PDB file of N, CA and C in Angstrom:
ATOM      1  N   MET A   1      21.561 -94.657  61.240  1.00  0.00           N
ATOM      2  CA  MET A   1      21.546 -93.444  60.457  1.00  0.00           C
ATOM      3  C   MET A   1      21.982 -92.264  61.320  1.00  0.00           C
ATOM      4  N   ALA A   2      21.520 -92.267  62.536  1.00  0.00           N
ATOM      5  CA  ALA A   2      21.907 -91.178  63.442  1.00  0.00           C
ATOM      6  C   ALA A   2      23.396 -91.243  63.743  1.00  0.00           C
ATOM      7  N   THR A   3      23.937 -92.456  63.816  1.00  0.00           N
ATOM      8  CA  THR A   3      25.362 -92.560  64.107  1.00  0.00           C
ATOM      9  C   THR A   3      26.194 -92.081  62.917  1.00  0.00           C
ATOM     10  N   ALA A   4      25.729 -92.321  61.719  1.00  0.00           N
ATOM     11  CA  ALA A   4      26.452 -91.846  60.545  1.00  0.00           C
ATOM     12  C   ALA A   4      26.455 -90.329  60.490  1.00  0.00           C
ATOM     13  N   MET A   5      25.320 -89.721  60.850  1.00  0.00           N
ATOM     14  CA  MET A   5      25.253 -88.258  60.859  1.00  0.00           C
ATOM     15  C   MET A   5      26.136 -87.700  61.975  1.00  0.00           C
ATOM     16  N   ALA A   6      26.149 -88.348  63.103  1.00  0.00           N
ATOM     17  CA  ALA A   6      26.989 -87.890  64.211  1.00  0.00           C
ATOM     18  C   ALA A   6      28.460 -88.007  63.832  1.00  0.00           C
ATOM     19  N   ARG A   7      28.833 -89.093  63.153  1.00  0.00           N
ATOM     20  CA  ARG A   7      30.215 -89.253  62.707  1.00  0.00           C
ATOM     21  C   ARG A   7      30.603 -88.150  61.728  1.00  0.00           C
ATOM     22  N   SER A   8      29.691 -87.819  60.825  1.00  0.00           N
ATOM     23  CA  SER A   8      29.977 -86.782  59.848  1.00  0.00           C
ATOM     24  C   SER A   8      30.176 -85.425  60.522  1.00  0.00           C
ATOM     25  N   VAL A   9      29.323 -85.116  61.489  1.00  0.00           N
ATOM     26  CA  VAL A   9      29.450 -83.845  62.216  1.00  0.00           C
ATOM     27  C   VAL A   9      30.751 -83.822  63.004  1.00  0.00           C
ATOM     28  N   LEU A  10      31.085 -84.927  63.650  1.00  0.00           N
ATOM     29  CA  LEU A  10      32.314 -84.999  64.433  1.00  0.00           C
ATOM     30  C   LEU A  10      33.534 -84.855  63.525  1.00  0.00           C
ATOM     31  N   ARG A  11      33.511 -85.505  62.365  1.00  0.00           N
ATOM     32  CA  ARG A  11      34.631 -85.427  61.426  1.00  0.00           C
ATOM     33  C   ARG A  11      34.805 -83.998  60.921  1.00  0.00           C
ATOM     34  N   THR A  12      33.710 -83.333  60.617  1.00  0.00           N
ATOM     35  CA  THR A  12      33.777 -81.950  60.135  1.00  0.00           C
ATOM     36  C   THR A  12      34.312 -81.033  61.226  1.00  0.00           C
ATOM     37  N   THR A  13      33.900 -81.255  62.444  1.00  0.00           N
ATOM     38  CA  THR A  13      34.357 -80.429  63.561  1.00  0.00           C
ATOM     39  C   THR A  13      35.843 -80.620  63.815  1.00  0.00           C
ATOM     40  N   LEU A  14      36.309 -81.841  63.757  1.00  0.00           N
ATOM     41  CA  LEU A  14      37.724 -82.113  64.008  1.00  0.00           C
ATOM     42  C   LEU A  14      38.616 -81.581  62.892  1.00  0.00           C
ATOM     43  N   ARG A  15      38.105 -81.480  61.697  1.00  0.00           N
ATOM     44  CA  ARG A  15      38.894 -80.960  60.578  1.00  0.00           C
ATOM     45  C   ARG A  15      38.975 -79.436  60.591  1.00  0.00           C
ATOM     46  N   GLY A  16      38.254 -78.807  61.431  1.00  0.00           N
ATOM     47  CA  GLY A  16      38.364 -77.357  61.512  1.00  0.00           C
ATOM     48  C   GLY A  16      37.108 -76.658  61.039  1.00  0.00           C
ATOM     49  N   GLY A  17      35.978 -77.302  61.183  1.00  0.00           N
ATOM     50  CA  GLY A  17      34.724 -76.666  60.788  1.00  0.00           C
ATOM     51  C   GLY A  17      34.451 -76.857  59.314  1.00  0.00           C
ATOM     52  N   SER A  18      33.443 -76.175  58.906  1.00  0.00           N
ATOM     53  CA  SER A  18      33.073 -76.294  57.498  1.00  0.00           C
ATOM     54  C   SER A  18      33.848 -75.266  56.700  1.00  0.00           C
ATOM     55  N   ARG A  19      34.694 -75.742  55.843  1.00  0.00           N
ATOM     56  CA  ARG A  19      35.477 -74.849  54.994  1.00  0.00           C
ATOM     57  C   ARG A  19      34.802 -74.712  53.635  1.00  0.00           C
ATOM     58  N   ALA A  20      34.955 -73.580  53.080  1.00  0.00           N
ATOM     59  CA  ALA A  20      34.448 -73.367  51.730  1.00  0.00           C
ATOM     60  C   ALA A  20      35.401 -74.050  50.755  1.00  0.00           C
ATOM     61  N   PRO A  21      34.891 -74.652  49.716  1.00  0.00           N
ATOM     62  CA  PRO A  21      35.783 -75.294  48.751  1.00  0.00           C
ATOM     63  C   PRO A  21      36.702 -74.274  48.106  1.00  0.00           C
ATOM     64  N   THR A  22      37.916 -74.700  47.842  1.00  0.00           N
ATOM     65  CA  THR A  22      38.911 -73.776  47.295  1.00  0.00           C
ATOM     66  C   THR A  22      38.676 -73.481  45.812  1.00  0.00           C
ATOM     67  N   SER A  23      38.115 -74.425  45.088  1.00  0.00           N
ATOM     68  CA  SER A  23      37.851 -74.173  43.674  1.00  0.00           C
ATOM     69  C   SER A  23      36.403 -74.545  43.365  1.00  0.00           C
ATOM     70  N   LYS A  24      35.883 -73.849  42.403  1.00  0.00           N
ATOM     71  CA  LYS A  24      34.511 -74.111  42.008  1.00  0.00           C
ATOM     72  C   LYS A  24      34.485 -75.337  41.101  1.00  0.00           C
ATOM     73  N   ARG A  25      33.511 -76.193  41.324  1.00  0.00           N
ATOM     74  CA  ARG A  25      33.383 -77.398  40.507  1.00  0.00           C
ATOM     75  C   ARG A  25      32.851 -76.999  39.135  1.00  0.00           C
ATOM     76  N   SER A  26      33.527 -77.439  38.095  1.00  0.00           N
ATOM     77  CA  SER A  26      33.065 -77.119  36.745  1.00  0.00           C
ATOM     78  C   SER A  26      32.580 -78.397  36.074  1.00  0.00           C
ATOM     79  N   PHE A  27      31.473 -78.279  35.409  1.00  0.00           N
ATOM     80  CA  PHE A  27      30.895 -79.412  34.694  1.00  0.00           C
ATOM     81  C   PHE A  27      31.336 -79.368  33.235  1.00  0.00           C
ATOM     82  N   ALA A  28      31.170 -80.475  32.543  1.00  0.00           N
ATOM     83  CA  ALA A  28      31.621 -80.554  31.154  1.00  0.00           C
ATOM     84  C   ALA A  28      30.862 -79.586  30.256  1.00  0.00           C
ATOM     85  N   SER A  29      29.596 -79.339  30.551  1.00  0.00           N
ATOM     86  CA  SER A  29      28.815 -78.453  29.692  1.00  0.00           C
ATOM     87  C   SER A  29      29.200 -76.992  29.848  1.00  0.00           C
ATOM     88  N   SER A  30      29.854 -76.650  30.943  1.00  0.00           N
ATOM     89  CA  SER A  30      30.216 -75.245  31.143  1.00  0.00           C
ATOM     90  C   SER A  30      31.695 -74.998  30.881  1.00  0.00           C
ATOM     91  N   ALA A  31      32.351 -75.934  30.228  1.00  0.00           N
ATOM     92  CA  ALA A  31      33.785 -75.801  29.998  1.00  0.00           C
ATOM     93  C   ALA A  31      34.052 -74.971  28.745  1.00  0.00           C
ATOM     94  N   GLN A  32      34.029 -73.677  28.873  1.00  0.00           N
ATOM     95  CA  GLN A  32      34.370 -72.702  27.841  1.00  0.00           C
ATOM     96  C   GLN A  32      33.561 -72.876  26.558  1.00  0.00           C
ATOM     97  N   HIS A  33      32.313 -73.270  26.658  1.00  0.00           N
ATOM     98  CA  HIS A  33      31.443 -73.365  25.492  1.00  0.00           C
ATOM     99  C   HIS A  33      30.367 -72.303  25.576  1.00  0.00           C
ATOM    100  N   ASP A  34      30.095 -71.736  24.454  1.00  0.00           N
ATOM    101  CA  ASP A  34      29.007 -70.790  24.392  1.00  0.00           C
ATOM    102  C   ASP A  34      27.757 -71.583  24.010  1.00  0.00           C
ATOM    103  N   ASP A  35      26.868 -71.775  24.964  1.00  0.00           N
ATOM    104  CA  ASP A  35      25.699 -72.630  24.757  1.00  0.00           C
ATOM    105  C   ASP A  35      24.794 -72.110  23.643  1.00  0.00           C
ATOM    106  N   ALA A  36      24.663 -70.817  23.510  1.00  0.00           N
ATOM    107  CA  ALA A  36      23.795 -70.265  22.472  1.00  0.00           C
ATOM    108  C   ALA A  36      24.355 -70.571  21.087  1.00  0.00           C
ATOM    109  N   ARG A  37      25.666 -70.439  20.915  1.00  0.00           N
ATOM    110  CA  ARG A  37      26.272 -70.744  19.622  1.00  0.00           C
ATOM    111  C   ARG A  37      26.185 -72.229  19.310  1.00  0.00           C
ATOM    112  N   GLU A  38      26.377 -73.060  20.319  1.00  0.00           N
ATOM    113  CA  GLU A  38      26.283 -74.513  20.133  1.00  0.00           C
ATOM    114  C   GLU A  38      24.861 -74.913  19.748  1.00  0.00           C
ATOM    115  N   THR A  39      23.877 -74.310  20.395  1.00  0.00           N
ATOM    116  CA  THR A  39      22.481 -74.591  20.066  1.00  0.00           C
ATOM    117  C   THR A  39      22.152 -74.139  18.646  1.00  0.00           C
ATOM    118  N   ALA A  40      22.618 -72.965  18.263  1.00  0.00           N
ATOM    119  CA  ALA A  40      22.379 -72.453  16.912  1.00  0.00           C
ATOM    120  C   ALA A  40      23.035 -73.345  15.871  1.00  0.00           C
ATOM    121  N   LYS A  41      24.228 -73.856  16.186  1.00  0.00           N
ATOM    122  CA  LYS A  41      24.919 -74.741  15.253  1.00  0.00           C
ATOM    123  C   LYS A  41      24.107 -76.009  15.009  1.00  0.00           C
ATOM    124  N   TRP A  42      23.622 -76.633  16.082  1.00  0.00           N
ATOM    125  CA  TRP A  42      22.871 -77.884  15.926  1.00  0.00           C
ATOM    126  C   TRP A  42      21.496 -77.648  15.314  1.00  0.00           C
ATOM    127  N   GLU A  43      20.948 -76.459  15.522  1.00  0.00           N
ATOM    128  CA  GLU A  43      19.687 -76.123  14.869  1.00  0.00           C
ATOM    129  C   GLU A  43      19.885 -76.030  13.358  1.00  0.00           C
ATOM    130  N   LYS A  44      20.981 -75.411  12.926  1.00  0.00           N
ATOM    131  CA  LYS A  44      21.281 -75.313  11.494  1.00  0.00           C
ATOM    132  C   LYS A  44      21.549 -76.691  10.904  1.00  0.00           C
ATOM    133  N   ILE A  45      22.266 -77.546  11.627  1.00  0.00           N
ATOM    134  CA  ILE A  45      22.535 -78.900  11.155  1.00  0.00           C
ATOM    135  C   ILE A  45      21.232 -79.674  11.002  1.00  0.00           C
ATOM    136  N   THR A  46      20.322 -79.508  11.947  1.00  0.00           N
ATOM    137  CA  THR A  46      19.032 -80.194  11.887  1.00  0.00           C
ATOM    138  C   THR A  46      18.234 -79.742  10.673  1.00  0.00           C
ATOM    139  N   TYR A  47      18.161 -78.446  10.438  1.00  0.00           N
ATOM    140  CA  TYR A  47      17.417 -77.938   9.289  1.00  0.00           C
ATOM    141  C   TYR A  47      18.058 -78.386   7.974  1.00  0.00           C
ATOM    142  N   ALA A  48      19.374 -78.408   7.918  1.00  0.00           N
ATOM    143  CA  ALA A  48      20.050 -78.877   6.709  1.00  0.00           C
ATOM    144  C   ALA A  48      19.750 -80.361   6.472  1.00  0.00           C
ATOM    145  N   GLY A  49      19.706 -81.145   7.536  1.00  0.00           N
ATOM    146  CA  GLY A  49      19.367 -82.563   7.404  1.00  0.00           C
ATOM    147  C   GLY A  49      17.942 -82.767   6.940  1.00  0.00           C
ATOM    148  N   ILE A  50      17.020 -81.960   7.449  1.00  0.00           N
ATOM    149  CA  ILE A  50      15.617 -82.066   7.027  1.00  0.00           C
ATOM    150  C   ILE A  50      15.487 -81.736   5.550  1.00  0.00           C
ATOM    151  N   VAL A  51      16.148 -80.668   5.113  1.00  0.00           N
ATOM    152  CA  VAL A  51      16.065 -80.259   3.710  1.00  0.00           C
ATOM    153  C   VAL A  51      16.683 -81.321   2.807  1.00  0.00           C
ATOM    154  N   SER A  52      17.854 -81.840   3.189  1.00  0.00           N
ATOM    155  CA  SER A  52      18.512 -82.826   2.325  1.00  0.00           C
ATOM    156  C   SER A  52      17.709 -84.124   2.271  1.00  0.00           C
ATOM    157  N   CYS A  53      17.121 -84.569   3.361  1.00  0.00           N
ATOM    158  CA  CYS A  53      16.291 -85.779   3.343  1.00  0.00           C
ATOM    159  C   CYS A  53      15.031 -85.567   2.515  1.00  0.00           C
ATOM    160  N   THR A  54      14.443 -84.391   2.588  1.00  0.00           N
ATOM    161  CA  THR A  54      13.250 -84.100   1.798  1.00  0.00           C
ATOM    162  C   THR A  54      13.581 -84.089   0.307  1.00  0.00           C
ATOM    163  N   VAL A  55      14.687 -83.464  -0.072  1.00  0.00           N
ATOM    164  CA  VAL A  55      15.097 -83.425  -1.479  1.00  0.00           C
ATOM    165  C   VAL A  55      15.380 -84.841  -1.975  1.00  0.00           C
ATOM    166  N   LEU A  56      16.061 -85.650  -1.181  1.00  0.00           N
ATOM    167  CA  LEU A  56      16.359 -87.028  -1.571  1.00  0.00           C
ATOM    168  C   LEU A  56      15.078 -87.849  -1.715  1.00  0.00           C
ATOM    169  N   ALA A  57      14.117 -87.657  -0.825  1.00  0.00           N
ATOM    170  CA  ALA A  57      12.850 -88.388  -0.910  1.00  0.00           C
ATOM    171  C   ALA A  57      12.060 -87.980  -2.149  1.00  0.00           C
ATOM    172  N   VAL A  58      12.015 -86.683  -2.456  1.00  0.00           N
ATOM    173  CA  VAL A  58      11.300 -86.219  -3.647  1.00  0.00           C
ATOM    174  C   VAL A  58      11.961 -86.779  -4.895  1.00  0.00           C
ATOM    175  N   TYR A  59      13.271 -86.798  -4.943  1.00  0.00           N
ATOM    176  CA  TYR A  59      13.988 -87.336  -6.098  1.00  0.00           C
ATOM    177  C   TYR A  59      13.697 -88.823  -6.266  1.00  0.00           C
ATOM    178  N   ASN A  60      13.786 -89.589  -5.194  1.00  0.00           N
ATOM    179  CA  ASN A  60      13.548 -91.033  -5.274  1.00  0.00           C
ATOM    180  C   ASN A  60      12.106 -91.349  -5.647  1.00  0.00           C
ATOM    181  N   LEU A  61      11.159 -90.592  -5.138  1.00  0.00           N
ATOM    182  CA  LEU A  61       9.762 -90.859  -5.423  1.00  0.00           C
ATOM    183  C   LEU A  61       9.352 -90.381  -6.817  1.00  0.00           C
ATOM    184  N   SER A  62      10.062 -89.426  -7.382  1.00  0.00           N
ATOM    185  CA  SER A  62       9.692 -88.914  -8.700  1.00  0.00           C
ATOM    186  C   SER A  62      10.262 -89.764  -9.827  1.00  0.00           C
ATOM    187  N   LYS A  63      11.252 -90.612  -9.549  1.00  0.00           N
ATOM    188  CA  LYS A  63      11.858 -91.430 -10.604  1.00  0.00           C
ATOM    189  C   LYS A  63      10.904 -92.482 -11.134  1.00  0.00           C
ATOM    190  N   GLY A  64       9.995 -92.953 -10.335  1.00  0.00           N
ATOM    191  CA  GLY A  64       9.111 -94.022 -10.762  1.00  0.00           C
ATOM    192  C   GLY A  64       9.791 -95.370 -10.559  1.00  0.00           C
ATOM    193  N   HIS A  65       9.089 -96.417 -10.937  1.00  0.00           N
ATOM    194  CA  HIS A  65       9.645 -97.762 -10.791  1.00  0.00           C
ATOM    195  C   HIS A  65       9.215 -98.597 -11.993  1.00  0.00           C
ATOM    196  N   PRO A  66       9.992 -99.594 -12.324  1.00  0.00           N
ATOM    197  CA  PRO A  66       9.657-100.397 -13.504  1.00  0.00           C
ATOM    198  C   PRO A  66       8.467-101.316 -13.230  1.00  0.00           C
ATOM    199  N   HIS A  67       7.658-101.503 -14.259  1.00  0.00           N
ATOM    200  CA  HIS A  67       6.535-102.432 -14.177  1.00  0.00           C
ATOM    201  C   HIS A  67       6.901-103.672 -14.974  1.00  0.00           C
ATOM    202  N   TYR A  68       6.756-104.799 -14.346  1.00  0.00           N
ATOM    203  CA  TYR A  68       7.101-106.048 -14.987  1.00  0.00           C
ATOM    204  C   TYR A  68       5.831-106.774 -15.427  1.00  0.00           C
ATOM    205  N   GLU A  69       6.002-107.753 -16.306  1.00  0.00           N
ATOM    206  CA  GLU A  69       4.876-108.567 -16.732  1.00  0.00           C
ATOM    207  C   GLU A  69       4.390-109.400 -15.554  1.00  0.00           C
ATOM    208  N   GLU A  70       3.194-109.912 -15.697  1.00  0.00           N
ATOM    209  CA  GLU A  70       2.659-110.781 -14.652  1.00  0.00           C
ATOM    210  C   GLU A  70       3.509-112.043 -14.578  1.00  0.00           C
ATOM    211  N   PRO A  71       3.770-112.536 -13.387  1.00  0.00           N
ATOM    212  CA  PRO A  71       4.550-113.763 -13.283  1.00  0.00           C
ATOM    213  C   PRO A  71       3.744-114.945 -13.822  1.00  0.00           C
ATOM    214  N   PRO A  72       4.400-115.972 -14.284  1.00  0.00           N
ATOM    215  CA  PRO A  72       3.663-117.119 -14.825  1.00  0.00           C
ATOM    216  C   PRO A  72       2.850-117.798 -13.719  1.00  0.00           C
ATOM    217  N   PRO A  73       1.700-118.352 -14.064  1.00  0.00           N
ATOM    218  CA  PRO A  73       0.874-119.002 -13.042  1.00  0.00           C
ATOM    219  C   PRO A  73       1.473-120.348 -12.641  1.00  0.00           C
ATOM    220  N   TYR A  74       2.267-120.309 -11.601  1.00  0.00           N
ATOM    221  CA  TYR A  74       2.878-121.540 -11.126  1.00  0.00           C
ATOM    222  C   TYR A  74       1.796-122.452 -10.564  1.00  0.00           C
ATOM    223  N   PRO A  75       1.908-123.747 -10.775  1.00  0.00           N
ATOM    224  CA  PRO A  75       0.836-124.653 -10.330  1.00  0.00           C
ATOM    225  C   PRO A  75       0.739-124.781  -8.808  1.00  0.00           C
ATOM    226  N   TYR A  76       1.803-124.447  -8.097  1.00  0.00           N
ATOM    227  CA  TYR A  76       1.762-124.630  -6.645  1.00  0.00           C
ATOM    228  C   TYR A  76       1.231-123.404  -5.907  1.00  0.00           C
ATOM    229  N   LEU A  77       0.841-122.364  -6.622  1.00  0.00           N
ATOM    230  CA  LEU A  77       0.297-121.181  -5.965  1.00  0.00           C
ATOM    231  C   LEU A  77      -1.225-121.259  -5.918  1.00  0.00           C
ATOM    232  N   HIS A  78      -1.811-120.989  -4.798  1.00  0.00           N
ATOM    233  CA  HIS A  78      -3.263-120.935  -4.590  1.00  0.00           C
ATOM    234  C   HIS A  78      -3.970-122.222  -5.016  1.00  0.00           C
ATOM    235  N   VAL A  79      -3.426-123.351  -4.646  1.00  0.00           N
ATOM    236  CA  VAL A  79      -4.030-124.638  -4.975  1.00  0.00           C
ATOM    237  C   VAL A  79      -5.195-124.876  -4.025  1.00  0.00           C
ATOM    238  N   ARG A  80      -6.380-125.126  -4.582  1.00  0.00           N
ATOM    239  CA  ARG A  80      -7.568-125.435  -3.788  1.00  0.00           C
ATOM    240  C   ARG A  80      -8.044-126.833  -4.195  1.00  0.00           C
ATOM    241  N   ASN A  81      -7.640-127.813  -3.445  1.00  0.00           N
ATOM    242  CA  ASN A  81      -8.017-129.189  -3.770  1.00  0.00           C
ATOM    243  C   ASN A  81      -9.396-129.551  -3.241  1.00  0.00           C
ATOM    244  N   LYS A  82      -9.830-128.920  -2.186  1.00  0.00           N
ATOM    245  CA  LYS A  82     -11.150-129.235  -1.632  1.00  0.00           C
ATOM    246  C   LYS A  82     -11.779-127.948  -1.114  1.00  0.00           C
ATOM    247  N   GLU A  83     -13.062-127.982  -0.875  1.00  0.00           N
ATOM    248  CA  GLU A  83     -13.799-126.809  -0.399  1.00  0.00           C
ATOM    249  C   GLU A  83     -13.348-126.443   1.009  1.00  0.00           C
ATOM    250  N   PHE A  84     -13.472-125.162   1.322  1.00  0.00           N
ATOM    251  CA  PHE A  84     -13.250-124.741   2.700  1.00  0.00           C
ATOM    252  C   PHE A  84     -14.380-125.278   3.563  1.00  0.00           C
ATOM    253  N   PRO A  85     -14.153-125.489   4.856  1.00  0.00           N
ATOM    254  CA  PRO A  85     -15.238-125.965   5.726  1.00  0.00           C
ATOM    255  C   PRO A  85     -16.384-124.967   5.834  1.00  0.00           C
ATOM    256  N   TRP A  86     -16.126-123.694   5.603  1.00  0.00           N
ATOM    257  CA  TRP A  86     -17.159-122.672   5.733  1.00  0.00           C
ATOM    258  C   TRP A  86     -17.788-122.306   4.401  1.00  0.00           C
ATOM    259  N   GLY A  87     -17.437-122.957   3.338  1.00  0.00           N
ATOM    260  CA  GLY A  87     -18.065-122.702   2.047  1.00  0.00           C
ATOM    261  C   GLY A  87     -17.038-122.508   0.954  1.00  0.00           C
ATOM    262  N   PRO A  88     -17.480-122.181  -0.264  1.00  0.00           N
ATOM    263  CA  PRO A  88     -16.553-122.091  -1.395  1.00  0.00           C
ATOM    264  C   PRO A  88     -15.671-120.844  -1.379  1.00  0.00           C
ATOM    265  N   ASP A  89     -16.074-119.798  -0.659  1.00  0.00           N
ATOM    266  CA  ASP A  89     -15.285-118.561  -0.626  1.00  0.00           C
ATOM    267  C   ASP A  89     -14.321-118.589   0.546  1.00  0.00           C
ATOM    268  N   GLY A  90     -13.350-117.683   0.509  1.00  0.00           N
ATOM    269  CA  GLY A  90     -12.422-117.561   1.617  1.00  0.00           C
ATOM    270  C   GLY A  90     -13.107-117.010   2.841  1.00  0.00           C
ATOM    271  N   LEU A  91     -12.440-117.083   3.957  1.00  0.00           N
ATOM    272  CA  LEU A  91     -13.036-116.663   5.226  1.00  0.00           C
ATOM    273  C   LEU A  91     -13.286-115.158   5.255  1.00  0.00           C
ATOM    274  N   PHE A  92     -12.387-114.362   4.674  1.00  0.00           N
ATOM    275  CA  PHE A  92     -12.532-112.911   4.754  1.00  0.00           C
ATOM    276  C   PHE A  92     -12.893-112.297   3.406  1.00  0.00           C
ATOM    277  N   GLU A  93     -13.356-113.060   2.498  1.00  0.00           N
ATOM    278  CA  GLU A  93     -13.758-112.548   1.194  1.00  0.00           C
ATOM    279  C   GLU A  93     -15.253-112.300   1.160  1.00  0.00           C
ATOM    280  N   VAL A  94     -15.694-111.563   0.150  1.00  0.00           N
ATOM    281  CA  VAL A  94     -17.104-111.294  -0.022  1.00  0.00           C
ATOM    282  C   VAL A  94     -17.782-112.586  -0.493  1.00  0.00           C
ATOM    283  N   LYS A  95     -18.866-112.939   0.140  1.00  0.00           N
ATOM    284  CA  LYS A  95     -19.555-114.186  -0.187  1.00  0.00           C
ATOM    285  C   LYS A  95     -20.358-114.010  -1.470  1.00  0.00           C
ATOM    286  N   HIS A  96     -20.292-114.989  -2.375  1.00  0.00           N
ATOM    287  CA  HIS A  96     -21.027-114.946  -3.638  1.00  0.00           C
ATOM    288  C   HIS A  96     -21.999-116.116  -3.708  1.00  0.00           C
ATOM    289  N   HIS A  97     -22.820-116.293  -2.695  1.00  0.00           N
ATOM    290  CA  HIS A  97     -23.775-117.423  -2.673  1.00  0.00           C
ATOM    291  C   HIS A  97     -25.077-117.007  -3.279  1.00  0.00           C
TER     292      HIS A  97
END
């Protein structure tokens, strides 16, 4: 590690000392954008999205849904051929003994 630092110092010295960079480094976020306007734009988009989702949810929930007749009692549903090992009721049902 010390040798790497020594090499760096030697390289800088041989190049003519520490020079100031000729141009300032610019990042993508500072490339001619007004951050306040960009923030305000996305804030408005967010509020518009919240309002439109709320209106859509109220509309969908207010329409209601159709109620169908009870399905026919198929013979293969809830078949109990023998008692449960713990008694006639289900494991998590209220006991009626």
